[in-house]
């Protein structure tokens, strides 16, 4: 059994370190694709995990396409090298739609395999992969006029990955809200949002129905004073270890149903704190396609 881990673009060192810490020995690297023996482990820095990887010799473009079609219908190409030859193979495979997703909505449900050319005559492929979109790149039909910043895409992606989001009547907290991209997302879904930030929200967001701004520090809040909260969302700028303490206070209070938080790494990557978040029961930790040097932590 072999597994391949595709690093999020620009974060190959983080993936390599995560795998090393998880006891995985990488046996080969193909640009951002790290290949290892054994079953897969959970990986936050992998944009896609290829399960049960197969390597075969091919004599031609036609043979490569035939081998892939014999396994299943839908395939996504990863081509860091041998671009022209790979494109000719992909052209002989059934078309897979790459249209941006419309939020709110579901991820594609059809099975999507991944493949690459290690050499002109060596095909590496996996029929079963963790990502629903090609190479884990989740893109959306963007709203270029409503939100005050592009941070809204991170929350769209988190909700889409989770398959859950606030709705009318949901009571939400947005910590570190300014200028209001995440508040905008939740208010557009009909939720009531308490936006916490010392700086004021964008005026258009502050005027949205259901939005209340409180000019306070997210770290000074007393969870006991809030009552039930359906969604606690945080894109606050702080060291991950400080965010962990904040989350632990809210977990201990027991009044939050769902969490979505961004771990923002400043300087080096704090793998220890990321692992502590991942160890919280019911957690999901991942690098969203729209994240920078940060991870998204969620708990439903």
C-alpha atoms as a PDB file:
ATOM      1  CA  UNK A   1       0.000   0.000   0.000  1.00  0.00           C
ATOM      2  CA  UNK A   2       1.315   3.442  -0.962  1.00  0.00           C
ATOM      3  CA  UNK A   3      -0.099   6.886  -0.227  1.00  0.00           C
ATOM      4  CA  UNK A   4       0.703  10.227  -1.851  1.00  0.00           C
ATOM      5  CA  UNK A   5       0.203  13.602  -0.187  1.00  0.00           C
ATOM      6  CA  UNK A   6      -0.165  16.709  -2.348  1.00  0.00           C
ATOM      7  CA  UNK A   7       1.045  19.773  -0.465  1.00  0.00           C
ATOM      8  CA  UNK A   8      -1.005  22.932  -0.518  1.00  0.00           C
ATOM      9  CA  UNK A   9       0.653  25.275  -3.003  1.00  0.00           C
ATOM     10  CA  UNK A  10       3.580  27.029  -1.308  1.00  0.00           C
ATOM     11  CA  UNK A  11       3.527  24.846   1.818  1.00  0.00           C
ATOM     12  CA  UNK A  12       5.599  21.790   0.955  1.00  0.00           C
ATOM     13  CA  UNK A  13       7.951  22.238   3.970  1.00  0.00           C
ATOM     14  CA  UNK A  14       4.961  22.312   6.344  1.00  0.00           C
ATOM     15  CA  UNK A  15       3.590  19.085   4.865  1.00  0.00           C
ATOM     16  CA  UNK A  16       6.969  17.353   4.991  1.00  0.00           C
ATOM     17  CA  UNK A  17       7.404  18.268   8.663  1.00  0.00           C
ATOM     18  CA  UNK A  18       3.856  17.217   9.502  1.00  0.00           C
ATOM     19  CA  UNK A  19       4.422  13.803   7.920  1.00  0.00           C
ATOM     20  CA  UNK A  20       7.766  13.389   9.686  1.00  0.00           C
ATOM     21  CA  UNK A  21       6.151  14.173  13.027  1.00  0.00           C
ATOM     22  CA  UNK A  22       3.427  11.653  12.213  1.00  0.00           C
ATOM     23  CA  UNK A  23       5.956   8.879  11.684  1.00  0.00           C
ATOM     24  CA  UNK A  24       5.610   8.820   7.901  1.00  0.00           C
ATOM     25  CA  UNK A  25       8.760   8.170   5.874  1.00  0.00           C
ATOM     26  CA  UNK A  26       8.587   9.812   2.477  1.00  0.00           C
ATOM     27  CA  UNK A  27      10.188   7.577  -0.156  1.00  0.00           C
ATOM     28  CA  UNK A  28       9.877   9.859  -3.191  1.00  0.00           C
ATOM     29  CA  UNK A  29       8.913  13.413  -4.063  1.00  0.00           C
ATOM     30  CA  UNK A  30       7.349  14.614  -7.306  1.00  0.00           C
ATOM     31  CA  UNK A  31       7.362  18.390  -6.917  1.00  0.00           C
ATOM     32  CA  UNK A  32       4.535  19.010  -4.350  1.00  0.00           C
ATOM     33  CA  UNK A  33       3.520  15.330  -4.277  1.00  0.00           C
ATOM     34  CA  UNK A  34       5.142  13.314  -1.481  1.00  0.00           C
ATOM     35  CA  UNK A  35       4.932   9.522  -1.804  1.00  0.00           C
ATOM     36  CA  UNK A  36       5.148   7.184   1.193  1.00  0.00           C
ATOM     37  CA  UNK A  37       4.595   3.547   2.028  1.00  0.00           C
ATOM     38  CA  UNK A  38       1.615   2.582   4.174  1.00  0.00           C
ATOM     39  CA  UNK A  39      -1.874   3.851   4.845  1.00  0.00           C
ATOM     40  CA  UNK A  40      -2.674   7.534   5.015  1.00  0.00           C
ATOM     41  CA  UNK A  41      -2.609   9.621   8.163  1.00  0.00           C
ATOM     42  CA  UNK A  42      -4.650  12.751   8.792  1.00  0.00           C
ATOM     43  CA  UNK A  43      -2.826  15.693   7.245  1.00  0.00           C
ATOM     44  CA  UNK A  44      -3.807  19.331   7.589  1.00  0.00           C
ATOM     45  CA  UNK A  45      -1.213  20.588   5.090  1.00  0.00           C
ATOM     46  CA  UNK A  46      -2.171  18.166   2.300  1.00  0.00           C
ATOM     47  CA  UNK A  47      -4.491  19.717  -0.266  1.00  0.00           C
ATOM     48  CA  UNK A  48      -5.259  16.181  -1.426  1.00  0.00           C
ATOM     49  CA  UNK A  49      -4.391  12.673  -0.227  1.00  0.00           C
ATOM     50  CA  UNK A  50      -4.077   9.907  -2.821  1.00  0.00           C
ATOM     51  CA  UNK A  51      -4.971   6.489  -1.387  1.00  0.00           C
ATOM     52  CA  UNK A  52      -3.652   3.140  -2.668  1.00  0.00           C
ATOM     53  CA  UNK A  53      -1.373   4.705  -5.270  1.00  0.00           C
ATOM     54  CA  UNK A  54      -0.565   2.626  -8.362  1.00  0.00           C
ATOM     55  CA  UNK A  55       2.437   3.052 -10.673  1.00  0.00           C
ATOM     56  CA  UNK A  56       2.398   1.557 -14.162  1.00  0.00           C
ATOM     57  CA  UNK A  57       4.508   1.667 -17.298  1.00  0.00           C
ATOM     58  CA  UNK A  58       2.868   3.183 -20.385  1.00  0.00           C
ATOM     59  CA  UNK A  59       3.996   3.018 -23.990  1.00  0.00           C
ATOM     60  CA  UNK A  60       1.822   5.805 -25.376  1.00  0.00           C
ATOM     61  CA  UNK A  61      -0.624   8.609 -24.652  1.00  0.00           C
ATOM     62  CA  UNK A  62      -3.472   6.385 -25.770  1.00  0.00           C
ATOM     63  CA  UNK A  63      -2.447   3.562 -23.449  1.00  0.00           C
ATOM     64  CA  UNK A  64      -2.260   5.923 -20.479  1.00  0.00           C
ATOM     65  CA  UNK A  65      -5.781   7.220 -21.137  1.00  0.00           C
ATOM     66  CA  UNK A  66      -7.071   3.682 -21.677  1.00  0.00           C
ATOM     67  CA  UNK A  67      -5.641   2.480 -18.371  1.00  0.00           C
ATOM     68  CA  UNK A  68      -7.245   5.349 -16.485  1.00  0.00           C
ATOM     69  CA  UNK A  69     -10.629   4.926 -18.173  1.00  0.00           C
ATOM     70  CA  UNK A  70     -10.565   1.240 -17.290  1.00  0.00           C
ATOM     71  CA  UNK A  71     -10.412   2.136 -13.598  1.00  0.00           C
ATOM     72  CA  UNK A  72     -13.121   4.832 -13.419  1.00  0.00           C
ATOM     73  CA  UNK A  73     -14.567   7.821 -15.213  1.00  0.00           C
ATOM     74  CA  UNK A  74     -13.431  10.995 -13.443  1.00  0.00           C
ATOM     75  CA  UNK A  75      -9.772  12.012 -13.191  1.00  0.00           C
ATOM     76  CA  UNK A  76      -7.882  15.166 -12.212  1.00  0.00           C
ATOM     77  CA  UNK A  77      -4.435  15.794 -13.644  1.00  0.00           C
ATOM     78  CA  UNK A  78      -1.457  16.952 -11.609  1.00  0.00           C
ATOM     79  CA  UNK A  79       1.307  17.926 -14.035  1.00  0.00           C
ATOM     80  CA  UNK A  80       4.309  19.724 -12.538  1.00  0.00           C
ATOM     81  CA  UNK A  81       6.445  18.275 -15.379  1.00  0.00           C
ATOM     82  CA  UNK A  82       5.761  16.697 -18.781  1.00  0.00           C
ATOM     83  CA  UNK A  83       2.956  19.231 -19.173  1.00  0.00           C
ATOM     84  CA  UNK A  84       2.269  18.747 -22.886  1.00  0.00           C
ATOM     85  CA  UNK A  85       2.161  14.965 -22.743  1.00  0.00           C
ATOM     86  CA  UNK A  86      -0.050  15.040 -19.636  1.00  0.00           C
ATOM     87  CA  UNK A  87      -2.463  17.477 -21.290  1.00  0.00           C
ATOM     88  CA  UNK A  88      -2.801  15.163 -24.294  1.00  0.00           C
ATOM     89  CA  UNK A  89      -3.659  12.265 -21.972  1.00  0.00           C
ATOM     90  CA  UNK A  90      -6.208  14.344 -20.043  1.00  0.00           C
ATOM     91  CA  UNK A  91      -7.817  15.400 -23.333  1.00  0.00           C
ATOM     92  CA  UNK A  92      -8.652  11.740 -24.000  1.00  0.00           C
ATOM     93  CA  UNK A  93     -10.430  11.346 -20.671  1.00  0.00           C
ATOM     94  CA  UNK A  94     -14.057  12.289 -19.944  1.00  0.00           C
ATOM     95  CA  UNK A  95     -14.476  15.975 -19.165  1.00  0.00           C
ATOM     96  CA  UNK A  96     -14.617  16.928 -15.482  1.00  0.00           C
ATOM     97  CA  UNK A  97     -16.285  20.260 -14.808  1.00  0.00           C
ATOM     98  CA  UNK A  98     -14.047  22.822 -13.157  1.00  0.00           C
ATOM     99  CA  UNK A  99     -16.683  25.538 -12.843  1.00  0.00           C
ATOM    100  CA  UNK A 100     -16.476  27.615  -9.668  1.00  0.00           C
ATOM    101  CA  UNK A 101     -18.874  26.560  -6.924  1.00  0.00           C
ATOM    102  CA  UNK A 102     -21.860  28.710  -6.019  1.00  0.00           C
ATOM    103  CA  UNK A 103     -22.220  29.311  -2.280  1.00  0.00           C
ATOM    104  CA  UNK A 104     -24.115  28.021  -0.395  1.00  0.00           C
ATOM    105  CA  UNK A 105     -23.973  24.604  -1.969  1.00  0.00           C
ATOM    106  CA  UNK A 106     -22.417  21.168  -1.807  1.00  0.00           C
ATOM    107  CA  UNK A 107     -19.068  19.898  -2.985  1.00  0.00           C
ATOM    108  CA  UNK A 108     -19.110  17.640  -6.065  1.00  0.00           C
ATOM    109  CA  UNK A 109     -20.290  14.168  -5.061  1.00  0.00           C
ATOM    110  CA  UNK A 110     -18.796  12.090  -7.877  1.00  0.00           C
ATOM    111  CA  UNK A 111     -15.620  10.133  -7.135  1.00  0.00           C
ATOM    112  CA  UNK A 112     -12.552  11.931  -8.482  1.00  0.00           C
ATOM    113  CA  UNK A 113      -9.231  10.189  -8.950  1.00  0.00           C
ATOM    114  CA  UNK A 114      -5.859  11.864  -9.459  1.00  0.00           C
ATOM    115  CA  UNK A 115      -2.936  11.050 -11.718  1.00  0.00           C
ATOM    116  CA  UNK A 116       0.462  12.346 -12.785  1.00  0.00           C
ATOM    117  CA  UNK A 117       3.379  11.440 -15.031  1.00  0.00           C
ATOM    118  CA  UNK A 118       6.544  10.614 -13.111  1.00  0.00           C
ATOM    119  CA  UNK A 119       8.281  10.236 -16.468  1.00  0.00           C
ATOM    120  CA  UNK A 120       7.032  10.150 -20.066  1.00  0.00           C
ATOM    121  CA  UNK A 121       6.539   6.393 -19.703  1.00  0.00           C
ATOM    122  CA  UNK A 122       5.547   6.147 -15.983  1.00  0.00           C
ATOM    123  CA  UNK A 123       1.983   6.808 -14.831  1.00  0.00           C
ATOM    124  CA  UNK A 124       1.111   7.273 -11.149  1.00  0.00           C
ATOM    125  CA  UNK A 125      -2.572   7.254 -10.236  1.00  0.00           C
ATOM    126  CA  UNK A 126      -5.030   6.827  -7.378  1.00  0.00           C
ATOM    127  CA  UNK A 127      -8.722   6.174  -7.886  1.00  0.00           C
ATOM    128  CA  UNK A 128      -9.618   7.252  -4.338  1.00  0.00           C
ATOM    129  CA  UNK A 129      -8.601  10.683  -3.091  1.00  0.00           C
ATOM    130  CA  UNK A 130      -9.577  12.918  -0.184  1.00  0.00           C
ATOM    131  CA  UNK A 131     -10.400  16.005  -2.264  1.00  0.00           C
ATOM    132  CA  UNK A 132     -13.678  16.497  -4.109  1.00  0.00           C
ATOM    133  CA  UNK A 133     -12.177  19.136  -6.420  1.00  0.00           C
ATOM    134  CA  UNK A 134      -9.124  18.802  -8.691  1.00  0.00           C
ATOM    135  CA  UNK A 135      -5.953  18.941  -6.586  1.00  0.00           C
ATOM    136  CA  UNK A 136      -7.992  20.166  -3.629  1.00  0.00           C
ATOM    137  CA  UNK A 137      -8.483  23.599  -5.179  1.00  0.00           C
ATOM    138  CA  UNK A 138     -11.934  24.783  -4.127  1.00  0.00           C
ATOM    139  CA  UNK A 139     -12.904  27.939  -6.007  1.00  0.00           C
ATOM    140  CA  UNK A 140     -16.104  29.949  -5.923  1.00  0.00           C
ATOM    141  CA  UNK A 141     -18.115  32.266  -8.112  1.00  0.00           C
ATOM    142  CA  UNK A 142     -17.003  35.353  -6.211  1.00  0.00           C
ATOM    143  CA  UNK A 143     -19.014  38.317  -4.982  1.00  0.00           C
ATOM    144  CA  UNK A 144     -16.865  41.320  -5.919  1.00  0.00           C
ATOM    145  CA  UNK A 145     -19.167  44.022  -4.589  1.00  0.00           C
ATOM    146  CA  UNK A 146     -20.674  42.928  -1.263  1.00  0.00           C
ATOM    147  CA  UNK A 147     -17.924  41.776   1.131  1.00  0.00           C
ATOM    148  CA  UNK A 148     -15.370  44.312   2.420  1.00  0.00           C
ATOM    149  CA  UNK A 149     -12.410  41.921   2.003  1.00  0.00           C
ATOM    150  CA  UNK A 150     -11.547  38.599   0.387  1.00  0.00           C
ATOM    151  CA  UNK A 151     -11.471  36.861   3.779  1.00  0.00           C
ATOM    152  CA  UNK A 152     -15.083  35.816   3.168  1.00  0.00           C
ATOM    153  CA  UNK A 153     -13.790  33.101   0.796  1.00  0.00           C
ATOM    154  CA  UNK A 154     -12.149  31.267   3.707  1.00  0.00           C
ATOM    155  CA  UNK A 155     -15.463  31.030   5.553  1.00  0.00           C
ATOM    156  CA  UNK A 156     -17.348  30.038   2.411  1.00  0.00           C
ATOM    157  CA  UNK A 157     -14.824  27.240   1.943  1.00  0.00           C
ATOM    158  CA  UNK A 158     -14.986  26.123   5.575  1.00  0.00           C
ATOM    159  CA  UNK A 159     -18.792  25.929   5.547  1.00  0.00           C
ATOM    160  CA  UNK A 160     -18.736  24.107   2.197  1.00  0.00           C
ATOM    161  CA  UNK A 161     -16.191  21.546   3.410  1.00  0.00           C
ATOM    162  CA  UNK A 162     -18.206  20.986   6.575  1.00  0.00           C
ATOM    163  CA  UNK A 163     -21.485  20.737   4.687  1.00  0.00           C
ATOM    164  CA  UNK A 164     -23.102  22.984   7.316  1.00  0.00           C
ATOM    165  CA  UNK A 165     -23.568  26.705   7.871  1.00  0.00           C
ATOM    166  CA  UNK A 166     -25.709  29.138   9.878  1.00  0.00           C
ATOM    167  CA  UNK A 167     -29.211  29.974   8.781  1.00  0.00           C
ATOM    168  CA  UNK A 168     -32.109  32.212   9.831  1.00  0.00           C
ATOM    169  CA  UNK A 169     -32.350  32.255  13.596  1.00  0.00           C
ATOM    170  CA  UNK A 170     -28.766  31.091  14.172  1.00  0.00           C
ATOM    171  CA  UNK A 171     -26.915  33.056  16.855  1.00  0.00           C
ATOM    172  CA  UNK A 172     -23.310  33.679  15.828  1.00  0.00           C
ATOM    173  CA  UNK A 173     -20.186  35.283  17.261  1.00  0.00           C
ATOM    174  CA  UNK A 174     -17.543  36.694  14.935  1.00  0.00           C
ATOM    175  CA  UNK A 175     -14.321  37.303  16.860  1.00  0.00           C
ATOM    176  CA  UNK A 176     -11.822  39.732  15.340  1.00  0.00           C
ATOM    177  CA  UNK A 177     -14.534  40.691  12.895  1.00  0.00           C
ATOM    178  CA  UNK A 178     -13.298  43.925  11.312  1.00  0.00           C
ATOM    179  CA  UNK A 179     -13.677  44.853   8.482  1.00  0.00           C
ATOM    180  CA  UNK A 180     -16.509  42.334   8.457  1.00  0.00           C
ATOM    181  CA  UNK A 181     -16.024  39.709   5.738  1.00  0.00           C
ATOM    182  CA  UNK A 182     -17.067  36.817   7.956  1.00  0.00           C
ATOM    183  CA  UNK A 183     -19.916  38.801   9.515  1.00  0.00           C
ATOM    184  CA  UNK A 184     -21.120  39.561   5.980  1.00  0.00           C
ATOM    185  CA  UNK A 185     -21.179  35.836   5.130  1.00  0.00           C
ATOM    186  CA  UNK A 186     -23.248  34.879   8.184  1.00  0.00           C
ATOM    187  CA  UNK A 187     -25.609  37.843   7.945  1.00  0.00           C
ATOM    188  CA  UNK A 188     -26.237  37.049   4.268  1.00  0.00           C
ATOM    189  CA  UNK A 189     -27.308  33.571   5.401  1.00  0.00           C
ATOM    190  CA  UNK A 190     -29.906  35.159   7.671  1.00  0.00           C
ATOM    191  CA  UNK A 191     -28.076  34.660  10.965  1.00  0.00           C
ATOM    192  CA  UNK A 192     -27.921  37.073  13.880  1.00  0.00           C
ATOM    193  CA  UNK A 193     -24.254  38.044  14.282  1.00  0.00           C
ATOM    194  CA  UNK A 194     -22.491  39.674  17.217  1.00  0.00           C
ATOM    195  CA  UNK A 195     -19.279  41.072  15.719  1.00  0.00           C
ATOM    196  CA  UNK A 196     -16.461  41.567  18.237  1.00  0.00           C
ATOM    197  CA  UNK A 197     -13.574  43.893  17.411  1.00  0.00           C
ATOM    198  CA  UNK A 198     -12.106  47.049  18.896  1.00  0.00           C
ATOM    199  CA  UNK A 199     -12.153  48.617  15.434  1.00  0.00           C
ATOM    200  CA  UNK A 200     -15.534  49.390  13.825  1.00  0.00           C
ATOM    201  CA  UNK A 201     -16.992  47.290  11.041  1.00  0.00           C
ATOM    202  CA  UNK A 202     -17.280  48.398   7.453  1.00  0.00           C
ATOM    203  CA  UNK A 203     -20.326  50.677   7.414  1.00  0.00           C
ATOM    204  CA  UNK A 204     -22.256  48.580   4.887  1.00  0.00           C
ATOM    205  CA  UNK A 205     -21.732  45.415   6.923  1.00  0.00           C
ATOM    206  CA  UNK A 206     -22.662  47.139  10.183  1.00  0.00           C
ATOM    207  CA  UNK A 207     -25.957  48.213   8.601  1.00  0.00           C
ATOM    208  CA  UNK A 208     -26.959  44.672   7.570  1.00  0.00           C
ATOM    209  CA  UNK A 209     -30.020  43.175   9.321  1.00  0.00           C
ATOM    210  CA  UNK A 210     -29.105  41.058  12.317  1.00  0.00           C
ATOM    211  CA  UNK A 211     -25.608  42.532  12.822  1.00  0.00           C
ATOM    212  CA  UNK A 212     -24.527  43.925  16.185  1.00  0.00           C
ATOM    213  CA  UNK A 213     -21.027  45.314  16.705  1.00  0.00           C
ATOM    214  CA  UNK A 214     -19.315  45.391  20.094  1.00  0.00           C
ATOM    215  CA  UNK A 215     -16.065  47.330  20.365  1.00  0.00           C
ATOM    216  CA  UNK A 216     -14.279  44.878  22.660  1.00  0.00           C
ATOM    217  CA  UNK A 217     -11.338  42.492  22.642  1.00  0.00           C
ATOM    218  CA  UNK A 218     -12.202  38.900  21.788  1.00  0.00           C
ATOM    219  CA  UNK A 219      -9.838  37.759  24.541  1.00  0.00           C
ATOM    220  CA  UNK A 220     -11.602  39.736  27.277  1.00  0.00           C
ATOM    221  CA  UNK A 221     -15.014  38.137  26.715  1.00  0.00           C
ATOM    222  CA  UNK A 222     -16.593  36.021  29.424  1.00  0.00           C
ATOM    223  CA  UNK A 223     -18.300  33.037  27.731  1.00  0.00           C
ATOM    224  CA  UNK A 224     -20.697  32.704  30.660  1.00  0.00           C
ATOM    225  CA  UNK A 225     -22.321  36.042  29.788  1.00  0.00           C
ATOM    226  CA  UNK A 226     -23.363  35.050  26.261  1.00  0.00           C
ATOM    227  CA  UNK A 227     -25.799  32.185  26.653  1.00  0.00           C
ATOM    228  CA  UNK A 228     -26.168  29.661  23.816  1.00  0.00           C
ATOM    229  CA  UNK A 229     -24.130  30.320  20.652  1.00  0.00           C
ATOM    230  CA  UNK A 230     -24.753  28.317  17.478  1.00  0.00           C
ATOM    231  CA  UNK A 231     -21.535  29.296  15.683  1.00  0.00           C
ATOM    232  CA  UNK A 232     -18.359  30.832  17.091  1.00  0.00           C
ATOM    233  CA  UNK A 233     -16.190  31.994  14.209  1.00  0.00           C
ATOM    234  CA  UNK A 234     -12.777  33.602  14.584  1.00  0.00           C
ATOM    235  CA  UNK A 235     -10.387  35.044  12.039  1.00  0.00           C
ATOM    236  CA  UNK A 236      -8.655  37.062  14.747  1.00  0.00           C
ATOM    237  CA  UNK A 237      -4.943  37.822  14.314  1.00  0.00           C
ATOM    238  CA  UNK A 238      -3.015  36.222  17.172  1.00  0.00           C
ATOM    239  CA  UNK A 239      -0.529  33.462  17.876  1.00  0.00           C
ATOM    240  CA  UNK A 240      -2.166  30.013  17.608  1.00  0.00           C
ATOM    241  CA  UNK A 241      -1.303  29.180  21.231  1.00  0.00           C
ATOM    242  CA  UNK A 242      -3.304  32.196  22.401  1.00  0.00           C
ATOM    243  CA  UNK A 243      -6.218  31.198  20.189  1.00  0.00           C
ATOM    244  CA  UNK A 244      -6.100  27.695  21.682  1.00  0.00           C
ATOM    245  CA  UNK A 245      -6.552  29.116  25.194  1.00  0.00           C
ATOM    246  CA  UNK A 246      -9.489  31.207  23.998  1.00  0.00           C
ATOM    247  CA  UNK A 247     -11.135  28.178  22.366  1.00  0.00           C
ATOM    248  CA  UNK A 248     -10.557  26.070  25.471  1.00  0.00           C
ATOM    249  CA  UNK A 249     -12.389  28.669  27.597  1.00  0.00           C
ATOM    250  CA  UNK A 250     -15.411  28.513  25.291  1.00  0.00           C
ATOM    251  CA  UNK A 251     -15.290  24.718  25.164  1.00  0.00           C
ATOM    252  CA  UNK A 252     -15.236  24.581  28.956  1.00  0.00           C
ATOM    253  CA  UNK A 253     -18.261  26.888  29.114  1.00  0.00           C
ATOM    254  CA  UNK A 254     -20.174  24.419  26.960  1.00  0.00           C
ATOM    255  CA  UNK A 255     -22.439  26.974  25.315  1.00  0.00           C
ATOM    256  CA  UNK A 256     -21.110  26.842  21.706  1.00  0.00           C
ATOM    257  CA  UNK A 257     -22.439  24.252  19.242  1.00  0.00           C
ATOM    258  CA  UNK A 258     -20.077  24.843  16.301  1.00  0.00           C
ATOM    259  CA  UNK A 259     -16.644  26.441  15.858  1.00  0.00           C
ATOM    260  CA  UNK A 260     -14.729  27.711  12.833  1.00  0.00           C
ATOM    261  CA  UNK A 261     -11.376  29.380  13.598  1.00  0.00           C
ATOM    262  CA  UNK A 262      -8.271  30.373  11.675  1.00  0.00           C
ATOM    263  CA  UNK A 263      -4.861  29.485  13.102  1.00  0.00           C
ATOM    264  CA  UNK A 264      -2.578  32.227  11.801  1.00  0.00           C
ATOM    265  CA  UNK A 265       1.110  31.336  11.931  1.00  0.00           C
ATOM    266  CA  UNK A 266       3.416  34.285  12.463  1.00  0.00           C
ATOM    267  CA  UNK A 267       6.965  33.401  11.480  1.00  0.00           C
ATOM    268  CA  UNK A 268       7.455  29.651  11.882  1.00  0.00           C
ATOM    269  CA  UNK A 269       4.727  27.024  11.810  1.00  0.00           C
ATOM    270  CA  UNK A 270       3.584  26.029  15.301  1.00  0.00           C
ATOM    271  CA  UNK A 271       3.030  22.311  14.667  1.00  0.00           C
ATOM    272  CA  UNK A 272       2.571  21.576  18.385  1.00  0.00           C
ATOM    273  CA  UNK A 273      -0.396  23.909  18.731  1.00  0.00           C
ATOM    274  CA  UNK A 274      -1.871  22.680  15.446  1.00  0.00           C
ATOM    275  CA  UNK A 275      -1.676  19.136  16.825  1.00  0.00           C
ATOM    276  CA  UNK A 276      -3.393  20.274  20.034  1.00  0.00           C
ATOM    277  CA  UNK A 277      -6.283  21.685  18.001  1.00  0.00           C
ATOM    278  CA  UNK A 278      -6.496  18.474  15.957  1.00  0.00           C
ATOM    279  CA  UNK A 279      -6.678  16.440  19.179  1.00  0.00           C
ATOM    280  CA  UNK A 280      -9.856  18.184  20.366  1.00  0.00           C
ATOM    281  CA  UNK A 281     -12.662  15.606  19.996  1.00  0.00           C
ATOM    282  CA  UNK A 282     -14.750  16.148  16.879  1.00  0.00           C
ATOM    283  CA  UNK A 283     -12.194  18.447  15.277  1.00  0.00           C
ATOM    284  CA  UNK A 284     -11.330  18.999  11.649  1.00  0.00           C
ATOM    285  CA  UNK A 285      -8.094  20.782  10.764  1.00  0.00           C
ATOM    286  CA  UNK A 286      -7.230  21.670   7.177  1.00  0.00           C
ATOM    287  CA  UNK A 287      -5.467  24.126   4.918  1.00  0.00           C
ATOM    288  CA  UNK A 288      -8.202  25.758   2.893  1.00  0.00           C
ATOM    289  CA  UNK A 289      -7.382  26.616  -0.704  1.00  0.00           C
ATOM    290  CA  UNK A 290      -8.052  30.255   0.210  1.00  0.00           C
ATOM    291  CA  UNK A 291      -5.784  30.177   3.285  1.00  0.00           C
ATOM    292  CA  UNK A 292      -2.320  31.692   3.418  1.00  0.00           C
ATOM    293  CA  UNK A 293       0.191  30.567   6.107  1.00  0.00           C
ATOM    294  CA  UNK A 294      -2.698  29.444   8.269  1.00  0.00           C
ATOM    295  CA  UNK A 295      -4.973  26.510   8.966  1.00  0.00           C
ATOM    296  CA  UNK A 296      -8.719  26.310   9.514  1.00  0.00           C
ATOM    297  CA  UNK A 297      -9.943  24.471  12.603  1.00  0.00           C
ATOM    298  CA  UNK A 298     -13.583  23.468  12.908  1.00  0.00           C
ATOM    299  CA  UNK A 299     -15.733  21.470  15.271  1.00  0.00           C
ATOM    300  CA  UNK A 300     -19.352  20.634  14.615  1.00  0.00           C
END
